Amino acid sequence: MNKSFLNLALIFLTFNLFSQENTAVTDSLIPYDAIIQSEEDGKRMKYSGTTNFTFNQAYFENWISGGESSLSGLLAVDYNLNYSDRKGLVWDTNLMVSVGTTYLSSNSFFRKADDRFEINSLVGSQINQYWNYSAYINFKTQLLPGYRYFEEGGEEKKEKVSRIFSPTVVQIGLGWYFKKSDDIWLNLSPLASRGIFVGKAYTENLAPGQKYFGVERGRTNNISIGASLTGHYKTEIMDNITVDNKFNFYVNYLQKIKNIDFEWNAKFILKVNERISSNLIVHIQYDDDLINKLQIRELFGLGLSIDL
């Protein structure tokens, strides 16, 4: 751990020495995304994003070759708000919402196909053309209750195991923000805190030593201090095929420092025309506070896309 803190101290010293050589901020040093084209005192605000809706349905009755009726729908929202000014202030916020459900004729209940609500917000103060001091917050939760399904006496039943804000994961940090464009950025935070918050109703009846999303019996949170690396890279790999990568790495200083929690979300967009596109989402994460297993989420759909 001493070596880790020494390395972080050297990084911090290097950045400060570099920034002292660039204290005279002129228009030529303003990040290109802060070169404002508007007339409002050099301020600029950009708003962009996509809304995707995918719907699938199948119906079978007396079909001799077999089949099962099904119904599924998925709504995904991904919006960005970017602000900058000539004083070197950069504020980038991203909202991601994805909700989906599926139903099979052999099941008694509708089941989740997807459930995600996430906000990322970062404020930066310019050091030079691409680097900024930064402070960020990441907020993640779910919108719909989660259930465990089981059979009892030949009847399908369900038990609620999670709900909105339980769990909720909040991560905040201070560090440096590298932004070459809206499609390429990186945030390094040597001082980051993460909290996992849950409803006490889910922890008060736990067995001794048992945990609920990393939270101990009778408690409502699990707080840690560590370091994080977050980034985004979007590129067109061929005509009409774009891949959007978002990733996050987190190291806990207080325990299991050699254990790195990570999350990688890749979205492949295959554009058919201005309104119709196909999307493939591959989402992989490992966080042994939540579950000591590799989590994999994969979604594929052809649907209607609305670009702003």
C-alpha atoms as a PDB file:
ATOM      1  CA  MET A   1       0.000   0.000   0.000  1.00  0.00           C
ATOM      2  CA  ASN A   2       2.947   2.365   0.734  1.00  0.00           C
ATOM      3  CA  LYS A   3       4.186   1.949  -2.826  1.00  0.00           C
ATOM      4  CA  SER A   4       0.722   2.736  -4.164  1.00  0.00           C
ATOM      5  CA  PHE A   5       0.523   5.969  -2.202  1.00  0.00           C
ATOM      6  CA  LEU A   6       4.057   6.890  -3.285  1.00  0.00           C
ATOM      7  CA  ASN A   7       3.137   6.386  -6.946  1.00  0.00           C
ATOM      8  CA  LEU A   8       0.001   8.480  -6.546  1.00  0.00           C
ATOM      9  CA  ALA A   9       2.015  11.238  -4.858  1.00  0.00           C
ATOM     10  CA  LEU A  10       4.491  11.270  -7.758  1.00  0.00           C
ATOM     11  CA  ILE A  11       1.622  11.480 -10.260  1.00  0.00           C
ATOM     12  CA  PHE A  12       0.074  14.370  -8.339  1.00  0.00           C
ATOM     13  CA  LEU A  13       3.414  16.214  -8.171  1.00  0.00           C
ATOM     14  CA  THR A  14       3.995  15.717 -11.913  1.00  0.00           C
ATOM     15  CA  PHE A  15       0.599  17.131 -12.822  1.00  0.00           C
ATOM     16  CA  ASN A  16       1.052  20.133 -10.543  1.00  0.00           C
ATOM     17  CA  LEU A  17       4.482  20.939 -11.955  1.00  0.00           C
ATOM     18  CA  PHE A  18       3.073  20.655 -15.456  1.00  0.00           C
ATOM     19  CA  SER A  19       0.125  22.897 -14.642  1.00  0.00           C
ATOM     20  CA  GLN A  20       2.401  25.575 -13.086  1.00  0.00           C
ATOM     21  CA  GLU A  21       4.144  25.916 -16.420  1.00  0.00           C
ATOM     22  CA  ASN A  22       0.802  26.679 -18.060  1.00  0.00           C
ATOM     23  CA  THR A  23      -0.727  29.182 -15.629  1.00  0.00           C
ATOM     24  CA  ALA A  24      -1.220  31.856 -18.274  1.00  0.00           C
ATOM     25  CA  VAL A  25      -4.543  30.738 -19.709  1.00  0.00           C
ATOM     26  CA  THR A  26      -5.208  32.236 -23.103  1.00  0.00           C
ATOM     27  CA  ASP A  27      -7.729  31.466 -25.809  1.00  0.00           C
ATOM     28  CA  SER A  28      -5.171  29.229 -27.489  1.00  0.00           C
ATOM     29  CA  LEU A  29      -5.048  26.986 -24.405  1.00  0.00           C
ATOM     30  CA  ILE A  30      -8.789  26.650 -23.965  1.00  0.00           C
ATOM     31  CA  PRO A  31      -9.889  23.082 -24.714  1.00  0.00           C
ATOM     32  CA  TYR A  32     -11.367  22.890 -28.163  1.00  0.00           C
ATOM     33  CA  ASP A  33     -14.705  21.857 -26.700  1.00  0.00           C
ATOM     34  CA  ALA A  34     -14.682  25.142 -24.753  1.00  0.00           C
ATOM     35  CA  ILE A  35     -14.128  27.274 -27.888  1.00  0.00           C
ATOM     36  CA  ILE A  36     -17.633  28.592 -27.955  1.00  0.00           C
ATOM     37  CA  GLN A  37     -19.512  29.496 -31.102  1.00  0.00           C
ATOM     38  CA  SER A  38     -22.387  31.219 -29.290  1.00  0.00           C
ATOM     39  CA  GLU A  39     -22.745  34.853 -28.287  1.00  0.00           C
ATOM     40  CA  GLU A  40     -23.530  34.288 -24.604  1.00  0.00           C
ATOM     41  CA  ASP A  41     -20.202  35.284 -23.008  1.00  0.00           C
ATOM     42  CA  GLY A  42     -18.397  32.316 -24.520  1.00  0.00           C
ATOM     43  CA  LYS A  43     -20.650  29.722 -22.910  1.00  0.00           C
ATOM     44  CA  ARG A  44     -21.816  26.620 -24.703  1.00  0.00           C
ATOM     45  CA  MET A  45     -24.229  23.872 -23.788  1.00  0.00           C
ATOM     46  CA  LYS A  46     -24.766  20.762 -25.913  1.00  0.00           C
ATOM     47  CA  TYR A  47     -27.553  18.237 -25.517  1.00  0.00           C
ATOM     48  CA  SER A  48     -27.571  14.923 -27.363  1.00  0.00           C
ATOM     49  CA  GLY A  49     -28.687  11.354 -26.976  1.00  0.00           C
ATOM     50  CA  THR A  50     -30.732   8.432 -28.236  1.00  0.00           C
ATOM     51  CA  THR A  51     -33.939   6.668 -27.318  1.00  0.00           C
ATOM     52  CA  ASN A  52     -34.344   3.068 -28.453  1.00  0.00           C
ATOM     53  CA  PHE A  53     -37.441   0.919 -28.228  1.00  0.00           C
ATOM     54  CA  THR A  54     -37.421  -2.769 -29.102  1.00  0.00           C
ATOM     55  CA  PHE A  55     -40.528  -4.968 -29.134  1.00  0.00           C
ATOM     56  CA  ASN A  56     -40.785  -8.681 -29.844  1.00  0.00           C
ATOM     57  CA  GLN A  57     -43.903 -10.883 -29.926  1.00  0.00           C
ATOM     58  CA  ALA A  58     -44.648 -14.476 -30.865  1.00  0.00           C
ATOM     59  CA  TYR A  59     -47.924 -16.408 -30.697  1.00  0.00           C
ATOM     60  CA  PHE A  60     -48.516 -20.162 -31.093  1.00  0.00           C
ATOM     61  CA  GLU A  61     -51.721 -22.158 -30.864  1.00  0.00           C
ATOM     62  CA  ASN A  62     -52.037 -25.807 -31.896  1.00  0.00           C
ATOM     63  CA  TRP A  63     -48.770 -25.431 -33.804  1.00  0.00           C
ATOM     64  CA  ILE A  64     -47.711 -28.985 -34.586  1.00  0.00           C
ATOM     65  CA  SER A  65     -43.971 -28.301 -34.673  1.00  0.00           C
ATOM     66  CA  GLY A  66     -44.150 -26.683 -31.242  1.00  0.00           C
ATOM     67  CA  GLY A  67     -43.521 -23.223 -29.906  1.00  0.00           C
ATOM     68  CA  GLU A  68     -44.145 -20.987 -26.930  1.00  0.00           C
ATOM     69  CA  SER A  69     -45.920 -17.655 -27.063  1.00  0.00           C
ATOM     70  CA  SER A  70     -43.811 -14.771 -25.794  1.00  0.00           C
ATOM     71  CA  LEU A  71     -43.866 -11.032 -25.382  1.00  0.00           C
ATOM     72  CA  SER A  72     -40.954  -8.738 -24.648  1.00  0.00           C
ATOM     73  CA  GLY A  73     -40.169  -5.041 -24.765  1.00  0.00           C
ATOM     74  CA  LEU A  74     -37.126  -2.909 -24.007  1.00  0.00           C
ATOM     75  CA  LEU A  75     -36.833   0.858 -23.648  1.00  0.00           C
ATOM     76  CA  ALA A  76     -33.327   2.346 -23.496  1.00  0.00           C
ATOM     77  CA  VAL A  77     -32.393   6.005 -23.034  1.00  0.00           C
ATOM     78  CA  ASP A  78     -28.863   7.446 -23.243  1.00  0.00           C
ATOM     79  CA  TYR A  79     -28.542  11.245 -23.037  1.00  0.00           C
ATOM     80  CA  ASN A  80     -25.599  13.619 -22.616  1.00  0.00           C
ATOM     81  CA  LEU A  81     -25.444  17.201 -21.383  1.00  0.00           C
ATOM     82  CA  ASN A  82     -22.134  19.041 -21.963  1.00  0.00           C
ATOM     83  CA  TYR A  83     -21.343  22.558 -20.750  1.00  0.00           C
ATOM     84  CA  SER A  84     -18.148  24.594 -21.112  1.00  0.00           C
ATOM     85  CA  ASP A  85     -17.028  28.235 -20.986  1.00  0.00           C
ATOM     86  CA  ARG A  86     -13.979  30.399 -21.648  1.00  0.00           C
ATOM     87  CA  LYS A  87     -12.941  30.281 -18.005  1.00  0.00           C
ATOM     88  CA  GLY A  88     -12.026  26.630 -18.479  1.00  0.00           C
ATOM     89  CA  LEU A  89     -15.027  25.122 -16.715  1.00  0.00           C
ATOM     90  CA  VAL A  90     -16.233  21.800 -18.159  1.00  0.00           C
ATOM     91  CA  TRP A  91     -19.344  20.001 -16.914  1.00  0.00           C
ATOM     92  CA  ASP A  92     -20.347  16.684 -18.519  1.00  0.00           C
ATOM     93  CA  THR A  93     -23.378  14.661 -17.438  1.00  0.00           C
ATOM     94  CA  ASN A  94     -24.695  11.371 -18.799  1.00  0.00           C
ATOM     95  CA  LEU A  95     -28.033   9.671 -18.050  1.00  0.00           C
ATOM     96  CA  MET A  96     -28.642   6.022 -18.895  1.00  0.00           C
ATOM     97  CA  VAL A  97     -31.987   4.297 -18.346  1.00  0.00           C
ATOM     98  CA  SER A  98     -32.866   0.817 -19.582  1.00  0.00           C
ATOM     99  CA  VAL A  99     -36.057  -1.013 -18.653  1.00  0.00           C
ATOM    100  CA  GLY A 100     -37.337  -4.219 -20.200  1.00  0.00           C
ATOM    101  CA  THR A 101     -39.757  -7.030 -19.495  1.00  0.00           C
ATOM    102  CA  THR A 102     -40.498 -10.427 -20.970  1.00  0.00           C
ATOM    103  CA  TYR A 103     -43.350 -12.910 -20.695  1.00  0.00           C
ATOM    104  CA  LEU A 104     -43.522 -16.579 -21.654  1.00  0.00           C
ATOM    105  CA  SER A 105     -46.786 -18.476 -21.818  1.00  0.00           C
ATOM    106  CA  SER A 106     -45.346 -21.168 -19.551  1.00  0.00           C
ATOM    107  CA  ASN A 107     -44.676 -18.630 -16.763  1.00  0.00           C
ATOM    108  CA  SER A 108     -47.163 -17.098 -14.374  1.00  0.00           C
ATOM    109  CA  PHE A 109     -45.415 -13.738 -14.137  1.00  0.00           C
ATOM    110  CA  PHE A 110     -43.775 -11.130 -16.313  1.00  0.00           C
ATOM    111  CA  ARG A 111     -40.032 -11.094 -15.682  1.00  0.00           C
ATOM    112  CA  LYS A 112     -37.331  -8.479 -16.009  1.00  0.00           C
ATOM    113  CA  ALA A 113     -35.373  -8.351 -19.212  1.00  0.00           C
ATOM    114  CA  ASP A 114     -33.373  -5.316 -18.091  1.00  0.00           C
ATOM    115  CA  ASP A 115     -33.443  -2.709 -15.330  1.00  0.00           C
ATOM    116  CA  ARG A 116     -30.844   0.025 -15.053  1.00  0.00           C
ATOM    117  CA  PHE A 117     -30.751   3.656 -13.950  1.00  0.00           C
ATOM    118  CA  GLU A 118     -27.384   5.445 -13.928  1.00  0.00           C
ATOM    119  CA  ILE A 119     -26.213   9.065 -13.752  1.00  0.00           C
ATOM    120  CA  ASN A 120     -22.613  10.148 -14.292  1.00  0.00           C
ATOM    121  CA  SER A 121     -21.716  13.793 -13.684  1.00  0.00           C
ATOM    122  CA  LEU A 122     -18.237  15.339 -13.808  1.00  0.00           C
ATOM    123  CA  VAL A 123     -17.029  18.906 -13.264  1.00  0.00           C
ATOM    124  CA  GLY A 124     -13.578  19.898 -14.511  1.00  0.00           C
ATOM    125  CA  SER A 125     -11.362  22.970 -14.200  1.00  0.00           C
ATOM    126  CA  GLN A 126      -8.822  23.472 -16.984  1.00  0.00           C
ATOM    127  CA  ILE A 127      -5.120  22.727 -16.554  1.00  0.00           C
ATOM    128  CA  ASN A 128      -4.152  22.812 -20.237  1.00  0.00           C
ATOM    129  CA  GLN A 129      -5.661  21.955 -23.605  1.00  0.00           C
ATOM    130  CA  TYR A 130      -6.770  18.439 -22.692  1.00  0.00           C
ATOM    131  CA  TRP A 131      -6.298  18.002 -18.927  1.00  0.00           C
ATOM    132  CA  ASN A 132      -8.562  19.266 -16.136  1.00  0.00           C
ATOM    133  CA  TYR A 133      -8.796  18.958 -12.381  1.00  0.00           C
ATOM    134  CA  SER A 134     -11.997  17.034 -11.755  1.00  0.00           C
ATOM    135  CA  ALA A 135     -14.666  16.022  -9.276  1.00  0.00           C
ATOM    136  CA  TYR A 136     -17.239  13.407 -10.228  1.00  0.00           C
ATOM    137  CA  ILE A 137     -20.227  11.462  -8.960  1.00  0.00           C
ATOM    138  CA  ASN A 138     -21.658   8.176 -10.238  1.00  0.00           C
ATOM    139  CA  PHE A 139     -25.124   7.051  -9.121  1.00  0.00           C
ATOM    140  CA  LYS A 140     -26.561   3.614  -9.969  1.00  0.00           C
ATOM    141  CA  THR A 141     -29.750   1.870  -8.947  1.00  0.00           C
ATOM    142  CA  GLN A 142     -32.736  -0.023 -10.350  1.00  0.00           C
ATOM    143  CA  LEU A 143     -36.290   1.148 -11.019  1.00  0.00           C
ATOM    144  CA  LEU A 144     -38.348  -2.032 -10.626  1.00  0.00           C
ATOM    145  CA  PRO A 145     -38.504  -4.650  -7.857  1.00  0.00           C
ATOM    146  CA  GLY A 146     -36.392  -7.775  -8.276  1.00  0.00           C
ATOM    147  CA  TYR A 147     -37.806 -11.200  -7.504  1.00  0.00           C
ATOM    148  CA  ARG A 148     -36.644 -14.731  -6.827  1.00  0.00           C
ATOM    149  CA  TYR A 149     -38.906 -17.228  -8.602  1.00  0.00           C
ATOM    150  CA  PHE A 150     -39.555 -20.703  -7.251  1.00  0.00           C
ATOM    151  CA  GLU A 151     -42.124 -23.496  -7.255  1.00  0.00           C
ATOM    152  CA  GLU A 152     -44.047 -24.563  -4.201  1.00  0.00           C
ATOM    153  CA  GLY A 153     -46.706 -27.230  -4.266  1.00  0.00           C
ATOM    154  CA  GLY A 154     -46.631 -27.240  -8.057  1.00  0.00           C
ATOM    155  CA  GLU A 155     -47.383 -23.514  -8.162  1.00  0.00           C
ATOM    156  CA  GLU A 156     -44.996 -20.813  -9.350  1.00  0.00           C
ATOM    157  CA  LYS A 157     -44.340 -18.162  -6.714  1.00  0.00           C
ATOM    158  CA  LYS A 158     -42.060 -15.171  -6.297  1.00  0.00           C
ATOM    159  CA  GLU A 159     -40.246 -13.427  -3.444  1.00  0.00           C
ATOM    160  CA  LYS A 160     -39.080  -9.806  -3.584  1.00  0.00           C
ATOM    161  CA  VAL A 161     -35.302  -9.571  -3.106  1.00  0.00           C
ATOM    162  CA  SER A 162     -34.618  -5.974  -4.197  1.00  0.00           C
ATOM    163  CA  ARG A 163     -36.376  -2.713  -5.032  1.00  0.00           C
ATOM    164  CA  ILE A 164     -35.699   0.827  -6.218  1.00  0.00           C
ATOM    165  CA  PHE A 165     -32.748   2.338  -4.261  1.00  0.00           C
ATOM    166  CA  SER A 166     -31.975  -1.053  -2.714  1.00  0.00           C
ATOM    167  CA  PRO A 167     -29.299  -1.516  -3.725  1.00  0.00           C
ATOM    168  CA  THR A 168     -27.944   1.893  -4.721  1.00  0.00           C
ATOM    169  CA  VAL A 169     -24.262   2.393  -5.522  1.00  0.00           C
ATOM    170  CA  VAL A 170     -22.807   5.906  -5.235  1.00  0.00           C
ATOM    171  CA  GLN A 171     -19.203   6.706  -6.131  1.00  0.00           C
ATOM    172  CA  ILE A 172     -17.526  10.117  -5.794  1.00  0.00           C
ATOM    173  CA  GLY A 173     -13.932  11.145  -6.377  1.00  0.00           C
ATOM    174  CA  LEU A 174     -11.323  13.835  -7.020  1.00  0.00           C
ATOM    175  CA  GLY A 175      -8.592  13.678  -9.649  1.00  0.00           C
ATOM    176  CA  TRP A 176      -7.791  14.583 -13.246  1.00  0.00           C
ATOM    177  CA  TYR A 177      -9.930  14.522 -16.361  1.00  0.00           C
ATOM    178  CA  PHE A 178      -8.483  14.033 -19.838  1.00  0.00           C
ATOM    179  CA  LYS A 179     -10.859  14.938 -22.651  1.00  0.00           C
ATOM    180  CA  LYS A 180      -9.795  14.894 -26.273  1.00  0.00           C
ATOM    181  CA  SER A 181     -13.378  14.975 -27.576  1.00  0.00           C
ATOM    182  CA  ASP A 182     -16.863  13.889 -26.557  1.00  0.00           C
ATOM    183  CA  ASP A 183     -15.938  10.454 -27.919  1.00  0.00           C
ATOM    184  CA  ILE A 184     -12.614  10.048 -26.090  1.00  0.00           C
ATOM    185  CA  TRP A 185     -12.131  10.877 -22.412  1.00  0.00           C
ATOM    186  CA  LEU A 186     -10.505   9.442 -19.300  1.00  0.00           C
ATOM    187  CA  ASN A 187     -10.884  10.301 -15.619  1.00  0.00           C
ATOM    188  CA  LEU A 188      -8.245   9.272 -13.064  1.00  0.00           C
ATOM    189  CA  SER A 189      -9.207   9.613  -9.405  1.00  0.00           C
ATOM    190  CA  PRO A 190      -6.602   8.576  -6.777  1.00  0.00           C
ATOM    191  CA  LEU A 191      -9.080   9.531  -4.049  1.00  0.00           C
ATOM    192  CA  ALA A 192     -12.512   7.975  -4.528  1.00  0.00           C
ATOM    193  CA  SER A 193     -15.205   6.851  -2.113  1.00  0.00           C
ATOM    194  CA  ARG A 194     -17.897   4.305  -2.869  1.00  0.00           C
ATOM    195  CA  GLY A 195     -21.021   3.516  -0.903  1.00  0.00           C
ATOM    196  CA  ILE A 196     -23.489   0.646  -1.323  1.00  0.00           C
ATOM    197  CA  PHE A 197     -26.872   1.508   0.233  1.00  0.00           C
ATOM    198  CA  VAL A 198     -29.757  -0.908   0.891  1.00  0.00           C
ATOM    199  CA  GLY A 199     -33.037  -1.042   2.774  1.00  0.00           C
ATOM    200  CA  LYS A 200     -32.718  -2.269   6.348  1.00  0.00           C
ATOM    201  CA  ALA A 201     -35.646  -4.635   5.816  1.00  0.00           C
ATOM    202  CA  TYR A 202     -33.338  -6.774   3.666  1.00  0.00           C
ATOM    203  CA  THR A 203     -30.508  -7.004   6.237  1.00  0.00           C
ATOM    204  CA  GLU A 204     -32.188  -7.243   9.649  1.00  0.00           C
ATOM    205  CA  ASN A 205     -33.034 -10.928   9.248  1.00  0.00           C
ATOM    206  CA  LEU A 206     -29.739 -12.071   7.738  1.00  0.00           C
ATOM    207  CA  ALA A 207     -27.919 -14.997   9.294  1.00  0.00           C
ATOM    208  CA  PRO A 208     -24.661 -14.197  11.174  1.00  0.00           C
ATOM    209  CA  GLY A 209     -21.893 -13.600   8.627  1.00  0.00           C
ATOM    210  CA  GLN A 210     -24.334 -13.344   5.730  1.00  0.00           C
ATOM    211  CA  LYS A 211     -24.339 -10.177   3.610  1.00  0.00           C
ATOM    212  CA  TYR A 212     -26.826  -8.487   1.315  1.00  0.00           C
ATOM    213  CA  PHE A 213     -25.024  -6.856  -1.631  1.00  0.00           C
ATOM    214  CA  GLY A 214     -21.952  -6.528   0.593  1.00  0.00           C
ATOM    215  CA  VAL A 215     -23.864  -4.937   3.499  1.00  0.00           C
ATOM    216  CA  GLU A 216     -23.679  -6.710   6.864  1.00  0.00           C
ATOM    217  CA  ARG A 217     -26.560  -7.812   9.054  1.00  0.00           C
ATOM    218  CA  GLY A 218     -28.564  -4.936  10.564  1.00  0.00           C
ATOM    219  CA  ARG A 219     -26.738  -2.250   8.549  1.00  0.00           C
ATOM    220  CA  THR A 220     -27.854  -0.113   5.613  1.00  0.00           C
ATOM    221  CA  ASN A 221     -24.554   0.722   3.911  1.00  0.00           C
ATOM    222  CA  ASN A 222     -21.023  -0.354   3.082  1.00  0.00           C
ATOM    223  CA  ILE A 223     -18.572   2.542   2.603  1.00  0.00           C
ATOM    224  CA  SER A 224     -15.073   2.189   1.139  1.00  0.00           C
ATOM    225  CA  ILE A 225     -12.187   4.467   0.143  1.00  0.00           C
ATOM    226  CA  GLY A 226     -10.072   3.765  -2.921  1.00  0.00           C
ATOM    227  CA  ALA A 227      -9.040   4.867  -6.400  1.00  0.00           C
ATOM    228  CA  SER A 228     -10.875   4.727  -9.707  1.00  0.00           C
ATOM    229  CA  LEU A 229     -10.217   4.932 -13.427  1.00  0.00           C
ATOM    230  CA  THR A 230     -13.175   5.716 -15.692  1.00  0.00           C
ATOM    231  CA  GLY A 231     -13.227   6.202 -19.443  1.00  0.00           C
ATOM    232  CA  HIS A 232     -15.197   6.368 -22.657  1.00  0.00           C
ATOM    233  CA  TYR A 233     -14.163   5.547 -26.224  1.00  0.00           C
ATOM    234  CA  LYS A 234     -16.474   5.672 -29.223  1.00  0.00           C
ATOM    235  CA  THR A 235     -15.417   4.874 -32.760  1.00  0.00           C
ATOM    236  CA  GLU A 236     -16.787   3.746 -36.115  1.00  0.00           C
ATOM    237  CA  ILE A 237     -15.248   0.358 -36.868  1.00  0.00           C
ATOM    238  CA  MET A 238     -16.756   0.272 -40.389  1.00  0.00           C
ATOM    239  CA  ASP A 239     -19.481   1.956 -42.420  1.00  0.00           C
ATOM    240  CA  ASN A 240     -22.676   2.273 -40.355  1.00  0.00           C
ATOM    241  CA  ILE A 241     -21.243   0.226 -37.463  1.00  0.00           C
ATOM    242  CA  THR A 242     -20.232   2.131 -34.328  1.00  0.00           C
ATOM    243  CA  VAL A 243     -18.978   0.786 -31.015  1.00  0.00           C
ATOM    244  CA  ASP A 244     -19.391   2.791 -27.819  1.00  0.00           C
ATOM    245  CA  ASN A 245     -17.176   1.631 -24.922  1.00  0.00           C
ATOM    246  CA  LYS A 246     -17.541   2.731 -21.306  1.00  0.00           C
ATOM    247  CA  PHE A 247     -15.396   1.293 -18.537  1.00  0.00           C
ATOM    248  CA  ASN A 248     -14.632   1.716 -14.852  1.00  0.00           C
ATOM    249  CA  PHE A 249     -11.976   0.244 -12.535  1.00  0.00           C
ATOM    250  CA  TYR A 250     -12.028   0.608  -8.754  1.00  0.00           C
ATOM    251  CA  VAL A 251      -9.453  -0.380  -6.107  1.00  0.00           C
ATOM    252  CA  ASN A 252     -10.392  -0.462  -2.417  1.00  0.00           C
ATOM    253  CA  TYR A 253      -7.626   0.939  -0.153  1.00  0.00           C
ATOM    254  CA  LEU A 254      -9.219  -0.387   3.044  1.00  0.00           C
ATOM    255  CA  GLN A 255      -9.502  -4.062   2.141  1.00  0.00           C
ATOM    256  CA  LYS A 256      -8.663  -6.469  -0.677  1.00  0.00           C
ATOM    257  CA  ILE A 257      -6.397  -3.873  -2.322  1.00  0.00           C
ATOM    258  CA  LYS A 258      -5.171  -6.461  -4.832  1.00  0.00           C
ATOM    259  CA  ASN A 259      -8.761  -7.138  -5.903  1.00  0.00           C
ATOM    260  CA  ILE A 260      -9.824  -4.784  -8.721  1.00  0.00           C
ATOM    261  CA  ASP A 261     -13.534  -4.268  -9.330  1.00  0.00           C
ATOM    262  CA  PHE A 262     -14.252  -3.488 -12.969  1.00  0.00           C
ATOM    263  CA  GLU A 263     -17.116  -2.761 -15.329  1.00  0.00           C
ATOM    264  CA  TRP A 264     -17.093  -2.692 -19.141  1.00  0.00           C
ATOM    265  CA  ASN A 265     -20.108  -1.763 -21.226  1.00  0.00           C
ATOM    266  CA  ALA A 266     -19.829  -2.048 -25.020  1.00  0.00           C
ATOM    267  CA  LYS A 267     -22.674  -0.989 -27.286  1.00  0.00           C
ATOM    268  CA  PHE A 268     -22.494  -1.932 -30.964  1.00  0.00           C
ATOM    269  CA  ILE A 269     -24.798   0.159 -33.145  1.00  0.00           C
ATOM    270  CA  LEU A 270     -25.615  -1.158 -36.634  1.00  0.00           C
ATOM    271  CA  LYS A 271     -27.456   1.607 -38.436  1.00  0.00           C
ATOM    272  CA  VAL A 272     -29.931   0.585 -41.156  1.00  0.00           C
ATOM    273  CA  ASN A 273     -31.241   4.070 -41.909  1.00  0.00           C
ATOM    274  CA  GLU A 274     -32.020   7.326 -40.088  1.00  0.00           C
ATOM    275  CA  ARG A 275     -34.706   5.748 -37.907  1.00  0.00           C
ATOM    276  CA  ILE A 276     -34.041   2.027 -37.773  1.00  0.00           C
ATOM    277  CA  SER A 277     -30.978   0.468 -36.185  1.00  0.00           C
ATOM    278  CA  SER A 278     -29.823  -2.734 -34.560  1.00  0.00           C
ATOM    279  CA  ASN A 279     -28.068  -2.717 -31.201  1.00  0.00           C
ATOM    280  CA  LEU A 280     -25.915  -5.259 -29.437  1.00  0.00           C
ATOM    281  CA  ILE A 281     -25.012  -4.537 -25.797  1.00  0.00           C
ATOM    282  CA  VAL A 282     -22.338  -6.538 -23.999  1.00  0.00           C
ATOM    283  CA  HIS A 283     -22.045  -5.568 -20.332  1.00  0.00           C
ATOM    284  CA  ILE A 284     -19.498  -7.302 -18.072  1.00  0.00           C
ATOM    285  CA  GLN A 285     -18.685  -6.466 -14.470  1.00  0.00           C
ATOM    286  CA  TYR A 286     -17.043  -7.954 -11.404  1.00  0.00           C
ATOM    287  CA  ASP A 287     -17.683  -6.596  -7.918  1.00  0.00           C
ATOM    288  CA  ASP A 288     -17.381  -9.093  -5.088  1.00  0.00           C
ATOM    289  CA  ASP A 289     -19.199  -6.741  -2.701  1.00  0.00           C
ATOM    290  CA  LEU A 290     -22.322  -7.216  -4.804  1.00  0.00           C
ATOM    291  CA  ILE A 291     -21.718 -10.833  -5.835  1.00  0.00           C
ATOM    292  CA  ASN A 292     -18.527 -12.878  -5.903  1.00  0.00           C
ATOM    293  CA  LYS A 293     -19.058 -13.913  -9.529  1.00  0.00           C
ATOM    294  CA  LEU A 294     -18.556 -12.434 -12.966  1.00  0.00           C
ATOM    295  CA  GLN A 295     -21.741 -10.684 -14.091  1.00  0.00           C
ATOM    296  CA  ILE A 296     -22.633 -10.743 -17.804  1.00  0.00           C
ATOM    297  CA  ARG A 297     -25.508  -8.923 -19.490  1.00  0.00           C
ATOM    298  CA  GLU A 298     -26.136  -9.232 -23.241  1.00  0.00           C
ATOM    299  CA  LEU A 299     -28.967  -7.623 -25.187  1.00  0.00           C
ATOM    300  CA  PHE A 300     -29.644  -7.642 -28.897  1.00  0.00           C
ATOM    301  CA  GLY A 301     -32.513  -6.020 -30.718  1.00  0.00           C
ATOM    302  CA  LEU A 302     -33.703  -4.410 -33.922  1.00  0.00           C
ATOM    303  CA  GLY A 303     -35.874  -1.418 -33.312  1.00  0.00           C
ATOM    304  CA  LEU A 304     -36.716   2.239 -33.644  1.00  0.00           C
ATOM    305  CA  SER A 305     -34.065   4.794 -32.729  1.00  0.00           C
ATOM    306  CA  ILE A 306     -34.592   8.505 -32.157  1.00  0.00           C
ATOM    307  CA  ASP A 307     -31.437  10.634 -32.301  1.00  0.00           C
ATOM    308  CA  LEU A 308     -31.250  14.176 -30.990  1.00  0.00           C
END
